[in-house]
Amino acid sequence: MAQPGFIRNFVAVATIAANRLVAVSALEDFQVIGATDASAVFAGVTEQGTDNHLRVDVVMTQSAPVEFGGDIAAGDLIVADADGKAIAFVLADYSGETQIHVAGWAMEEGDAGTIGDIFLAPQLIATIPA
């Protein structure tokens, strides 16, 4: 069971589902976007998804439940797929990239569709050689 830490309410650029990874928006302060890959700084994980006014609560620290977009093992580093679901970071998939943002690591295993806990530990991996 997730024990979320700091939760902050943000304005979302567009509708975001519950249990999805979100990234910091470059458009405006205190705004988030649905994460679609590993190219932006992760803000955290949505709790309930956006409301009618595009406001969303985001778990920013400790652990959070997120929907898995593929098979994940406990301890895998986590990035986002195109839908903001958690997928395991595979170094070979990012060869040649100069910046890769990781959201944290999986606390449990599961397959696609599982709502599993991740520990939020945003970090930057830079200059991956080709």
N, C-alpha and C. Protein backbone atom coordinates (compact mmCIF):
# COMPACT_ATOMS: atom_id res chain seq x y z
N MET A 1 0.84 -1.18 0.00
CA MET A 1 0.00 0.00 0.00
C MET A 1 0.89 1.24 0.00
N ALA A 2 0.60 2.14 -0.92
CA ALA A 2 1.39 3.37 -1.02
C ALA A 2 1.21 4.23 0.22
N GLN A 3 2.28 4.88 0.60
CA GLN A 3 2.24 5.84 1.70
C GLN A 3 2.76 7.14 1.13
N PRO A 4 1.86 7.87 0.42
CA PRO A 4 2.33 9.08 -0.25
C PRO A 4 2.84 10.11 0.73
N GLY A 5 3.79 10.86 0.27
CA GLY A 5 4.35 11.94 1.07
C GLY A 5 3.71 13.25 0.70
N PHE A 6 4.49 14.14 0.13
CA PHE A 6 4.02 15.47 -0.23
C PHE A 6 3.11 15.39 -1.45
N ILE A 7 1.91 15.93 -1.32
CA ILE A 7 0.96 15.98 -2.42
C ILE A 7 0.65 17.45 -2.69
N ARG A 8 0.73 17.83 -3.96
CA ARG A 8 0.48 19.23 -4.34
C ARG A 8 -0.54 19.26 -5.47
N ASN A 9 -1.38 20.26 -5.46
CA ASN A 9 -2.36 20.44 -6.51
C ASN A 9 -1.78 21.34 -7.60
N PHE A 10 -1.90 20.92 -8.85
CA PHE A 10 -1.38 21.65 -9.99
C PHE A 10 -2.49 21.91 -11.01
N VAL A 11 -2.23 22.84 -11.90
CA VAL A 11 -3.03 23.00 -13.11
C VAL A 11 -2.43 22.06 -14.14
N ALA A 12 -3.28 21.33 -14.86
CA ALA A 12 -2.81 20.44 -15.91
C ALA A 12 -3.03 21.10 -17.27
N VAL A 13 -2.13 20.85 -18.19
CA VAL A 13 -2.25 21.39 -19.54
C VAL A 13 -3.46 20.76 -20.25
N ALA A 14 -3.72 19.49 -19.98
CA ALA A 14 -4.83 18.75 -20.59
C ALA A 14 -5.29 17.69 -19.59
N THR A 15 -6.35 17.00 -19.92
CA THR A 15 -6.87 15.94 -19.06
C THR A 15 -5.81 14.85 -18.86
N ILE A 16 -5.67 14.41 -17.60
CA ILE A 16 -4.72 13.35 -17.25
C ILE A 16 -5.47 12.34 -16.39
N ALA A 17 -5.31 11.07 -16.69
CA ALA A 17 -5.97 9.99 -15.95
C ALA A 17 -5.33 9.80 -14.58
N ALA A 18 -6.01 9.06 -13.72
CA ALA A 18 -5.47 8.70 -12.41
C ALA A 18 -4.31 7.73 -12.57
N ASN A 19 -3.42 7.73 -11.60
CA ASN A 19 -2.30 6.79 -11.55
C ASN A 19 -1.39 6.87 -12.76
N ARG A 20 -1.09 8.11 -13.17
CA ARG A 20 -0.21 8.33 -14.32
C ARG A 20 0.97 9.22 -13.91
N LEU A 21 2.08 9.01 -14.57
CA LEU A 21 3.25 9.86 -14.38
C LEU A 21 3.01 11.20 -15.06
N VAL A 22 3.42 12.27 -14.39
CA VAL A 22 3.31 13.61 -14.97
C VAL A 22 4.67 14.28 -14.93
N ALA A 23 4.84 15.23 -15.84
CA ALA A 23 6.10 15.97 -15.95
C ALA A 23 5.84 17.45 -15.72
N VAL A 24 6.91 18.15 -15.41
CA VAL A 24 6.84 19.60 -15.22
C VAL A 24 6.61 20.24 -16.59
N SER A 25 5.64 21.14 -16.67
CA SER A 25 5.36 21.85 -17.91
C SER A 25 6.28 23.05 -18.05
N ALA A 26 6.78 23.26 -19.24
CA ALA A 26 7.62 24.42 -19.51
C ALA A 26 6.78 25.64 -19.87
N LEU A 27 5.46 25.48 -19.95
CA LEU A 27 4.58 26.56 -20.38
C LEU A 27 4.33 27.60 -19.30
N GLU A 28 4.16 27.15 -18.06
CA GLU A 28 3.78 28.06 -16.99
C GLU A 28 4.18 27.46 -15.64
N ASP A 29 4.42 28.32 -14.65
CA ASP A 29 4.75 27.85 -13.31
C ASP A 29 3.61 27.03 -12.72
N PHE A 30 3.95 26.04 -11.92
CA PHE A 30 2.98 25.19 -11.21
C PHE A 30 1.98 24.54 -12.16
N GLN A 31 2.48 24.07 -13.29
CA GLN A 31 1.65 23.40 -14.27
C GLN A 31 2.32 22.08 -14.64
N VAL A 32 1.51 21.03 -14.85
CA VAL A 32 2.04 19.73 -15.23
C VAL A 32 1.41 19.26 -16.54
N ILE A 33 2.12 18.35 -17.18
CA ILE A 33 1.63 17.70 -18.39
C ILE A 33 1.73 16.20 -18.19
N GLY A 34 0.93 15.46 -18.93
CA GLY A 34 1.06 14.01 -18.87
C GLY A 34 2.41 13.61 -19.44
N ALA A 35 3.14 12.79 -18.72
CA ALA A 35 4.45 12.32 -19.20
C ALA A 35 4.23 11.39 -20.38
N THR A 36 5.08 11.51 -21.38
CA THR A 36 4.96 10.67 -22.58
C THR A 36 6.24 9.93 -22.93
N ASP A 37 7.30 10.17 -22.15
CA ASP A 37 8.58 9.52 -22.40
C ASP A 37 9.52 9.88 -21.25
N ALA A 38 10.81 9.86 -21.50
CA ALA A 38 11.80 10.16 -20.46
C ALA A 38 12.53 11.47 -20.74
N SER A 39 11.89 12.38 -21.50
CA SER A 39 12.58 13.60 -21.92
C SER A 39 12.36 14.81 -21.02
N ALA A 40 11.44 14.73 -20.06
CA ALA A 40 11.14 15.88 -19.21
C ALA A 40 11.25 15.50 -17.73
N VAL A 41 11.44 16.50 -16.90
CA VAL A 41 11.55 16.28 -15.45
C VAL A 41 10.21 15.78 -14.90
N PHE A 42 10.24 14.67 -14.20
CA PHE A 42 9.02 14.12 -13.62
C PHE A 42 8.61 14.92 -12.39
N ALA A 43 7.31 15.25 -12.31
CA ALA A 43 6.76 15.95 -11.15
C ALA A 43 6.23 14.94 -10.14
N GLY A 44 5.77 13.79 -10.61
CA GLY A 44 5.23 12.78 -9.71
C GLY A 44 4.16 11.95 -10.40
N VAL A 45 3.17 11.50 -9.59
CA VAL A 45 2.11 10.61 -10.05
C VAL A 45 0.76 11.19 -9.65
N THR A 46 -0.20 11.18 -10.58
CA THR A 46 -1.54 11.67 -10.27
C THR A 46 -2.25 10.72 -9.32
N GLU A 47 -3.12 11.31 -8.48
CA GLU A 47 -3.93 10.47 -7.60
C GLU A 47 -5.26 10.11 -8.27
N GLN A 48 -6.10 11.09 -8.50
CA GLN A 48 -7.43 10.83 -9.04
C GLN A 48 -7.59 11.26 -10.49
N GLY A 49 -6.61 11.90 -11.06
CA GLY A 49 -6.74 12.45 -12.40
C GLY A 49 -7.32 13.86 -12.32
N THR A 50 -7.40 14.52 -13.45
CA THR A 50 -7.85 15.92 -13.47
C THR A 50 -9.34 16.03 -13.18
N ASP A 51 -9.71 17.18 -12.60
CA ASP A 51 -11.12 17.47 -12.39
C ASP A 51 -11.65 18.29 -13.56
N ASN A 52 -12.87 18.82 -13.45
CA ASN A 52 -13.48 19.59 -14.54
C ASN A 52 -12.78 20.90 -14.83
N HIS A 53 -11.91 21.34 -13.93
CA HIS A 53 -11.18 22.60 -14.10
C HIS A 53 -9.70 22.36 -14.42
N LEU A 54 -9.38 21.13 -14.79
CA LEU A 54 -8.01 20.72 -15.11
C LEU A 54 -7.06 20.90 -13.92
N ARG A 55 -7.58 20.71 -12.72
CA ARG A 55 -6.73 20.68 -11.52
C ARG A 55 -6.46 19.21 -11.21
N VAL A 56 -5.25 18.92 -10.70
CA VAL A 56 -4.88 17.54 -10.42
C VAL A 56 -3.96 17.49 -9.20
N ASP A 57 -4.21 16.51 -8.32
CA ASP A 57 -3.33 16.28 -7.18
C ASP A 57 -2.21 15.35 -7.63
N VAL A 58 -0.97 15.73 -7.29
CA VAL A 58 0.20 14.96 -7.71
C VAL A 58 1.00 14.56 -6.48
N VAL A 59 1.23 13.26 -6.33
CA VAL A 59 2.11 12.75 -5.28
C VAL A 59 3.53 13.01 -5.76
N MET A 60 4.29 13.79 -4.98
CA MET A 60 5.62 14.21 -5.43
C MET A 60 6.77 13.52 -4.70
N THR A 61 6.51 12.93 -3.54
CA THR A 61 7.58 12.29 -2.78
C THR A 61 7.11 10.95 -2.23
N GLN A 62 8.05 10.15 -1.81
CA GLN A 62 7.86 8.84 -1.21
C GLN A 62 7.32 7.86 -2.22
N SER A 63 6.19 7.19 -1.96
CA SER A 63 5.71 6.18 -2.89
C SER A 63 4.34 6.56 -3.44
N ALA A 64 4.02 6.01 -4.60
CA ALA A 64 2.74 6.30 -5.25
C ALA A 64 2.31 5.13 -6.12
N PRO A 65 1.00 4.87 -6.20
CA PRO A 65 0.51 3.83 -7.10
C PRO A 65 0.40 4.37 -8.52
N VAL A 66 0.95 3.63 -9.47
CA VAL A 66 0.93 4.04 -10.87
C VAL A 66 0.58 2.83 -11.73
N GLU A 67 -0.09 3.07 -12.84
CA GLU A 67 -0.43 1.97 -13.74
C GLU A 67 0.80 1.57 -14.54
N PHE A 68 1.06 0.27 -14.58
CA PHE A 68 2.19 -0.25 -15.34
C PHE A 68 1.80 -0.39 -16.81
N GLY A 69 2.71 -0.01 -17.70
CA GLY A 69 2.49 -0.12 -19.13
C GLY A 69 3.16 -1.32 -19.76
N GLY A 70 3.79 -2.14 -18.94
CA GLY A 70 4.49 -3.33 -19.41
C GLY A 70 4.96 -4.14 -18.22
N ASP A 71 5.69 -5.20 -18.47
CA ASP A 71 6.22 -6.02 -17.38
C ASP A 71 7.29 -5.25 -16.61
N ILE A 72 7.14 -5.23 -15.31
CA ILE A 72 8.08 -4.52 -14.43
C ILE A 72 8.46 -5.46 -13.29
N ALA A 73 9.75 -5.46 -12.95
CA ALA A 73 10.25 -6.23 -11.82
C ALA A 73 10.56 -5.27 -10.68
N ALA A 74 10.46 -5.75 -9.46
CA ALA A 74 10.82 -4.93 -8.31
C ALA A 74 12.26 -4.47 -8.47
N GLY A 75 12.48 -3.18 -8.26
CA GLY A 75 13.82 -2.62 -8.39
C GLY A 75 14.11 -1.98 -9.74
N ASP A 76 13.26 -2.23 -10.74
CA ASP A 76 13.47 -1.60 -12.05
C ASP A 76 13.37 -0.09 -11.93
N LEU A 77 14.24 0.63 -12.63
CA LEU A 77 14.09 2.07 -12.76
C LEU A 77 12.89 2.33 -13.66
N ILE A 78 12.15 3.42 -13.39
CA ILE A 78 10.89 3.68 -14.07
C ILE A 78 10.95 4.95 -14.90
N VAL A 79 10.44 4.84 -16.14
CA VAL A 79 10.20 5.98 -17.03
C VAL A 79 8.76 5.85 -17.51
N ALA A 80 8.31 6.81 -18.32
CA ALA A 80 6.93 6.81 -18.81
C ALA A 80 6.83 6.30 -20.23
N ASP A 81 5.72 5.62 -20.52
CA ASP A 81 5.42 5.31 -21.91
C ASP A 81 4.61 6.46 -22.51
N ALA A 82 4.12 6.33 -23.71
CA ALA A 82 3.40 7.41 -24.39
C ALA A 82 2.10 7.81 -23.70
N ASP A 83 1.57 6.92 -22.83
CA ASP A 83 0.32 7.20 -22.11
C ASP A 83 0.54 7.61 -20.66
N GLY A 84 1.80 7.80 -20.26
CA GLY A 84 2.09 8.17 -18.88
C GLY A 84 2.10 6.99 -17.92
N LYS A 85 2.04 5.79 -18.46
CA LYS A 85 2.12 4.58 -17.63
C LYS A 85 3.59 4.27 -17.35
N ALA A 86 3.84 3.59 -16.26
CA ALA A 86 5.20 3.25 -15.87
C ALA A 86 5.73 2.08 -16.69
N ILE A 87 6.94 2.24 -17.20
CA ILE A 87 7.63 1.14 -17.87
C ILE A 87 9.06 1.09 -17.33
N ALA A 88 9.67 -0.07 -17.46
CA ALA A 88 11.05 -0.25 -16.99
C ALA A 88 12.01 0.49 -17.92
N PHE A 89 12.97 1.16 -17.33
CA PHE A 89 14.02 1.84 -18.09
C PHE A 89 14.98 0.79 -18.62
N VAL A 90 15.19 0.80 -19.93
CA VAL A 90 16.13 -0.10 -20.59
C VAL A 90 17.18 0.78 -21.27
N LEU A 91 18.39 0.75 -20.78
CA LEU A 91 19.46 1.63 -21.25
C LEU A 91 19.63 1.59 -22.77
N ALA A 92 19.57 0.42 -23.36
CA ALA A 92 19.79 0.28 -24.80
C ALA A 92 18.76 1.07 -25.62
N ASP A 93 17.57 1.30 -25.07
CA ASP A 93 16.53 2.05 -25.78
C ASP A 93 16.86 3.54 -25.90
N TYR A 94 17.84 4.01 -25.15
CA TYR A 94 18.14 5.44 -25.11
C TYR A 94 19.56 5.76 -25.58
N SER A 95 20.18 4.87 -26.28
CA SER A 95 21.52 5.10 -26.79
C SER A 95 21.54 6.37 -27.65
N GLY A 96 22.49 7.24 -27.38
CA GLY A 96 22.62 8.48 -28.12
C GLY A 96 21.87 9.65 -27.53
N GLU A 97 20.96 9.41 -26.58
CA GLU A 97 20.22 10.50 -25.93
C GLU A 97 21.17 11.27 -25.01
N THR A 98 20.95 12.55 -24.86
CA THR A 98 21.81 13.35 -23.98
C THR A 98 21.20 13.53 -22.60
N GLN A 99 19.88 13.42 -22.49
CA GLN A 99 19.24 13.53 -21.18
C GLN A 99 18.09 12.54 -21.08
N ILE A 100 18.11 11.76 -20.01
CA ILE A 100 17.02 10.82 -19.73
C ILE A 100 16.59 11.07 -18.29
N HIS A 101 15.30 11.29 -18.12
CA HIS A 101 14.75 11.53 -16.79
C HIS A 101 14.08 10.26 -16.30
N VAL A 102 14.45 9.82 -15.10
CA VAL A 102 13.89 8.64 -14.47
C VAL A 102 12.99 9.11 -13.33
N ALA A 103 11.82 8.48 -13.20
CA ALA A 103 10.85 8.89 -12.17
C ALA A 103 11.16 8.28 -10.81
N GLY A 104 11.73 7.09 -10.79
CA GLY A 104 12.00 6.40 -9.53
C GLY A 104 12.23 4.93 -9.80
N TRP A 105 11.87 4.08 -8.83
CA TRP A 105 12.07 2.65 -9.01
C TRP A 105 10.85 1.88 -8.49
N ALA A 106 10.62 0.70 -9.11
CA ALA A 106 9.46 -0.12 -8.77
C ALA A 106 9.65 -0.83 -7.44
N MET A 107 8.63 -0.77 -6.61
CA MET A 107 8.66 -1.44 -5.31
C MET A 107 8.09 -2.85 -5.39
N GLU A 108 7.45 -3.16 -6.52
CA GLU A 108 6.86 -4.49 -6.69
C GLU A 108 6.84 -4.85 -8.17
N GLU A 109 6.63 -6.12 -8.44
CA GLU A 109 6.56 -6.55 -9.83
C GLU A 109 5.11 -6.55 -10.29
N GLY A 110 4.94 -6.51 -11.61
CA GLY A 110 3.61 -6.58 -12.20
C GLY A 110 3.70 -6.51 -13.70
N ASP A 111 2.58 -6.82 -14.35
CA ASP A 111 2.54 -6.73 -15.80
C ASP A 111 1.67 -5.56 -16.22
N ALA A 112 1.51 -5.37 -17.52
CA ALA A 112 0.73 -4.25 -18.04
C ALA A 112 -0.66 -4.24 -17.41
N GLY A 113 -1.09 -3.06 -16.97
CA GLY A 113 -2.40 -2.90 -16.35
C GLY A 113 -2.39 -2.96 -14.84
N THR A 114 -1.32 -3.49 -14.26
CA THR A 114 -1.19 -3.55 -12.81
C THR A 114 -1.07 -2.13 -12.25
N ILE A 115 -1.74 -1.85 -11.14
CA ILE A 115 -1.51 -0.62 -10.40
C ILE A 115 -0.53 -1.00 -9.31
N GLY A 116 0.72 -0.58 -9.48
CA GLY A 116 1.78 -0.96 -8.55
C GLY A 116 2.46 0.25 -7.96
N ASP A 117 3.09 0.06 -6.83
CA ASP A 117 3.78 1.15 -6.15
C ASP A 117 5.17 1.37 -6.71
N ILE A 118 5.51 2.64 -6.90
CA ILE A 118 6.88 3.01 -7.22
C ILE A 118 7.35 3.97 -6.14
N PHE A 119 8.65 3.97 -5.92
CA PHE A 119 9.25 4.96 -5.02
C PHE A 119 9.72 6.11 -5.88
N LEU A 120 9.20 7.30 -5.61
CA LEU A 120 9.54 8.47 -6.41
C LEU A 120 10.93 8.97 -6.03
N ALA A 121 11.82 8.93 -7.00
CA ALA A 121 13.19 9.39 -6.81
C ALA A 121 13.66 9.95 -8.14
N PRO A 122 13.09 11.10 -8.56
CA PRO A 122 13.45 11.65 -9.86
C PRO A 122 14.95 11.88 -9.98
N GLN A 123 15.49 11.52 -11.14
CA GLN A 123 16.92 11.69 -11.37
C GLN A 123 17.17 11.86 -12.86
N LEU A 124 18.30 12.39 -13.17
CA LEU A 124 18.70 12.65 -14.54
C LEU A 124 19.88 11.77 -14.89
N ILE A 125 19.76 11.09 -16.01
CA ILE A 125 20.89 10.33 -16.57
C ILE A 125 21.29 11.08 -17.82
N ALA A 126 22.52 11.52 -17.89
CA ALA A 126 22.95 12.38 -18.99
C ALA A 126 24.06 11.78 -19.82
N THR A 127 24.11 12.14 -21.08
CA THR A 127 25.14 11.78 -22.03
C THR A 127 25.38 10.28 -22.09
N ILE A 128 24.41 9.58 -22.62
CA ILE A 128 24.54 8.15 -22.82
C ILE A 128 25.26 7.94 -24.15
N PRO A 129 26.43 7.31 -24.16
CA PRO A 129 27.17 7.14 -25.40
C PRO A 129 26.45 6.21 -26.37
N ALA A 130 26.61 6.46 -27.65
CA ALA A 130 25.97 5.62 -28.69
C ALA A 130 26.69 4.30 -28.81
